[in-house]
Amino acid sequence: MTELGIDLWGAVFQAASFLSLMAIPWTDGKIRVVLAVLATAGIAAILGFQLYIGIQKEDMALGMELMIVTITNVVLYFAISWGVERLFRLYLLKRRKDRSPPTS
C-alpha cells in the first residue's frame, strides 16, 4: 500500500472515531453505548499509534505531545458537541412551550 493510501485510511479512521465521539450526546439507548465503545476503542488506538511514533523516532516527548493534543481534542470535541446538543434541546423545548395552546 502506498504512503498516500496509509495516510488516507489513517485520516478516515481518525475522522470516524471523532464523529462517533461527537455523536454520543445526540443518541440514546443502545446506540449510545455502541458509539461510546467505538469512540473509546478508536481514540485508544490513535493514542497507542502516537505513542508508537514517539518510540520509533526515539523521541518520547514527541509522542507525549501528540497524545496531549489528541486528548485535548477529544475533550473539546465532546464538550462542544454536548453543549450544542443542550442548546438545541432547550431551543426545541422553548419552541414547543410557546406553541402549545392555552388551556381554558
C-alpha atoms as a PDB file:
ATOM      1  CA  MET A   1       0.000   0.000   0.000  1.00  0.00           C
ATOM      2  CA  THR A   2       1.324   3.419  -0.857  1.00  0.00           C
ATOM      3  CA  GLU A   3       2.076   6.056   1.723  1.00  0.00           C
ATOM      4  CA  LEU A   4      -0.857   8.104   0.417  1.00  0.00           C
ATOM      5  CA  GLY A   5      -3.180   5.139   0.977  1.00  0.00           C
ATOM      6  CA  ILE A   6      -1.947   4.687   4.538  1.00  0.00           C
ATOM      7  CA  ASP A   7      -2.378   8.401   5.250  1.00  0.00           C
ATOM      8  CA  LEU A   8      -5.865   8.337   3.747  1.00  0.00           C
ATOM      9  CA  TRP A   9      -7.024   5.341   5.790  1.00  0.00           C
ATOM     10  CA  GLY A  10      -5.479   6.834   8.927  1.00  0.00           C
ATOM     11  CA  ALA A  11      -7.409  10.058   8.352  1.00  0.00           C
ATOM     12  CA  VAL A  12     -10.637   8.133   7.707  1.00  0.00           C
ATOM     13  CA  PHE A  13     -10.147   6.108  10.908  1.00  0.00           C
ATOM     14  CA  GLN A  14      -9.461   9.234  12.959  1.00  0.00           C
ATOM     15  CA  ALA A  15     -12.476  11.028  11.463  1.00  0.00           C
ATOM     16  CA  ALA A  16     -14.743   8.047  12.193  1.00  0.00           C
ATOM     17  CA  SER A  17     -13.502   7.907  15.785  1.00  0.00           C
ATOM     18  CA  PHE A  18     -14.111  11.608  16.377  1.00  0.00           C
ATOM     19  CA  LEU A  19     -17.510  11.543  14.641  1.00  0.00           C
ATOM     20  CA  SER A  20     -18.535   8.647  16.882  1.00  0.00           C
ATOM     21  CA  LEU A  21     -17.368  10.667  19.874  1.00  0.00           C
ATOM     22  CA  MET A  22     -19.342  13.736  18.792  1.00  0.00           C
ATOM     23  CA  ALA A  23     -22.485  11.675  18.130  1.00  0.00           C
ATOM     24  CA  ILE A  24     -22.665  10.305  21.687  1.00  0.00           C
ATOM     25  CA  PRO A  25     -24.673  13.237  23.169  1.00  0.00           C
ATOM     26  CA  TRP A  26     -27.123  13.139  20.238  1.00  0.00           C
ATOM     27  CA  THR A  27     -28.088   9.486  20.638  1.00  0.00           C
ATOM     28  CA  ASP A  28     -29.900   7.395  23.216  1.00  0.00           C
ATOM     29  CA  GLY A  29     -30.106   3.811  24.401  1.00  0.00           C
ATOM     30  CA  LYS A  30     -28.057   1.017  22.868  1.00  0.00           C
ATOM     31  CA  ILE A  31     -26.770   3.178  20.039  1.00  0.00           C
ATOM     32  CA  ARG A  32     -25.117   5.484  22.585  1.00  0.00           C
ATOM     33  CA  VAL A  33     -23.336   2.511  24.155  1.00  0.00           C
ATOM     34  CA  VAL A  34     -22.163   1.248  20.748  1.00  0.00           C
ATOM     35  CA  LEU A  35     -20.891   4.702  19.780  1.00  0.00           C
ATOM     36  CA  ALA A  36     -19.131   5.088  23.133  1.00  0.00           C
ATOM     37  CA  VAL A  37     -17.359   1.746  22.678  1.00  0.00           C
ATOM     38  CA  LEU A  38     -16.369   2.594  19.087  1.00  0.00           C
ATOM     39  CA  ALA A  39     -15.138   6.053  20.054  1.00  0.00           C
ATOM     40  CA  THR A  40     -13.185   4.752  23.051  1.00  0.00           C
ATOM     41  CA  ALA A  41     -11.552   1.989  21.015  1.00  0.00           C
ATOM     42  CA  GLY A  42     -10.739   4.398  18.191  1.00  0.00           C
ATOM     43  CA  ILE A  43      -9.252   7.049  20.459  1.00  0.00           C
ATOM     44  CA  ALA A  44      -7.254   4.399  22.348  1.00  0.00           C
ATOM     45  CA  ALA A  45      -5.867   3.092  19.037  1.00  0.00           C
ATOM     46  CA  ILE A  46      -4.960   6.620  17.939  1.00  0.00           C
ATOM     47  CA  LEU A  47      -3.200   7.292  21.255  1.00  0.00           C
ATOM     48  CA  GLY A  48      -1.352   3.976  21.014  1.00  0.00           C
ATOM     49  CA  PHE A  49      -0.236   4.760  17.485  1.00  0.00           C
ATOM     50  CA  GLN A  50       1.013   8.182  18.570  1.00  0.00           C
ATOM     51  CA  LEU A  51       2.983   6.606  21.407  1.00  0.00           C
ATOM     52  CA  TYR A  52       4.423   4.145  18.874  1.00  0.00           C
ATOM     53  CA  ILE A  53       5.514   7.085  16.699  1.00  0.00           C
ATOM     54  CA  GLY A  54       7.366   8.552  19.680  1.00  0.00           C
ATOM     55  CA  ILE A  55       9.087   5.225  20.355  1.00  0.00           C
ATOM     56  CA  GLN A  56      10.040   4.713  16.688  1.00  0.00           C
ATOM     57  CA  LYS A  57      11.514   8.217  16.407  1.00  0.00           C
ATOM     58  CA  GLU A  58      13.229   7.749  19.781  1.00  0.00           C
ATOM     59  CA  ASP A  59      11.578  10.970  20.913  1.00  0.00           C
ATOM     60  CA  MET A  60       9.129  10.268  23.710  1.00  0.00           C
ATOM     61  CA  ALA A  61       8.429  13.992  24.080  1.00  0.00           C
ATOM     62  CA  LEU A  62       7.043  13.981  20.527  1.00  0.00           C
ATOM     63  CA  GLY A  63       4.795  11.020  21.293  1.00  0.00           C
ATOM     64  CA  MET A  64       3.560  12.601  24.511  1.00  0.00           C
ATOM     65  CA  GLU A  65       2.878  15.936  22.799  1.00  0.00           C
ATOM     66  CA  LEU A  66       0.862  14.175  20.097  1.00  0.00           C
ATOM     67  CA  MET A  67      -1.097  12.330  22.760  1.00  0.00           C
ATOM     68  CA  ILE A  68      -1.777  15.530  24.738  1.00  0.00           C
ATOM     69  CA  VAL A  69      -3.060  17.260  21.597  1.00  0.00           C
ATOM     70  CA  THR A  70      -5.334  14.296  20.851  1.00  0.00           C
ATOM     71  CA  ILE A  71      -6.685  14.161  24.417  1.00  0.00           C
ATOM     72  CA  THR A  72      -7.333  17.916  24.306  1.00  0.00           C
ATOM     73  CA  ASN A  73      -9.176  17.469  21.004  1.00  0.00           C
ATOM     74  CA  VAL A  74     -11.261  14.652  22.481  1.00  0.00           C
ATOM     75  CA  VAL A  75     -12.321  16.806  25.433  1.00  0.00           C
ATOM     76  CA  LEU A  76     -13.076  19.837  23.255  1.00  0.00           C
ATOM     77  CA  TYR A  77     -14.976  17.897  20.579  1.00  0.00           C
ATOM     78  CA  PHE A  78     -17.106  16.117  23.169  1.00  0.00           C
ATOM     79  CA  ALA A  79     -17.752  19.273  25.220  1.00  0.00           C
ATOM     80  CA  ILE A  80     -18.712  21.328  22.171  1.00  0.00           C
ATOM     81  CA  SER A  81     -20.994  18.582  20.852  1.00  0.00           C
ATOM     82  CA  TRP A  82     -22.636  18.195  24.257  1.00  0.00           C
ATOM     83  CA  GLY A  83     -23.089  21.972  24.598  1.00  0.00           C
ATOM     84  CA  VAL A  84     -24.602  22.349  21.133  1.00  0.00           C
ATOM     85  CA  GLU A  85     -26.952  19.431  21.805  1.00  0.00           C
ATOM     86  CA  ARG A  86     -28.123  21.043  25.070  1.00  0.00           C
ATOM     87  CA  LEU A  87     -28.704  24.415  23.424  1.00  0.00           C
ATOM     88  CA  PHE A  88     -30.621  22.772  20.584  1.00  0.00           C
ATOM     89  CA  ARG A  89     -32.728  20.793  23.058  1.00  0.00           C
ATOM     90  CA  LEU A  90     -33.520  23.959  25.058  1.00  0.00           C
ATOM     91  CA  TYR A  91     -34.491  25.753  21.857  1.00  0.00           C
ATOM     92  CA  LEU A  92     -36.845  22.953  20.834  1.00  0.00           C
ATOM     93  CA  LEU A  93     -38.418  22.760  24.294  1.00  0.00           C
ATOM     94  CA  LYS A  94     -38.948  26.530  24.365  1.00  0.00           C
ATOM     95  CA  ARG A  95     -40.431  26.441  20.894  1.00  0.00           C
ATOM     96  CA  ARG A  96     -42.812  23.638  21.869  1.00  0.00           C
ATOM     97  CA  LYS A  97     -43.830  25.515  25.037  1.00  0.00           C
ATOM     98  CA  ASP A  98     -44.548  28.702  23.057  1.00  0.00           C
ATOM     99  CA  ARG A  99     -46.682  26.811  20.536  1.00  0.00           C
ATOM    100  CA  SER A 100     -48.859  24.941  23.000  1.00  0.00           C
ATOM    101  CA  PRO A 101     -52.444  26.253  23.046  1.00  0.00           C
ATOM    102  CA  PRO A 102     -53.655  27.991  26.194  1.00  0.00           C
ATOM    103  CA  THR A 103     -55.782  25.873  28.477  1.00  0.00           C
ATOM    104  CA  SER A 104     -59.262  27.180  29.224  1.00  0.00           C
END
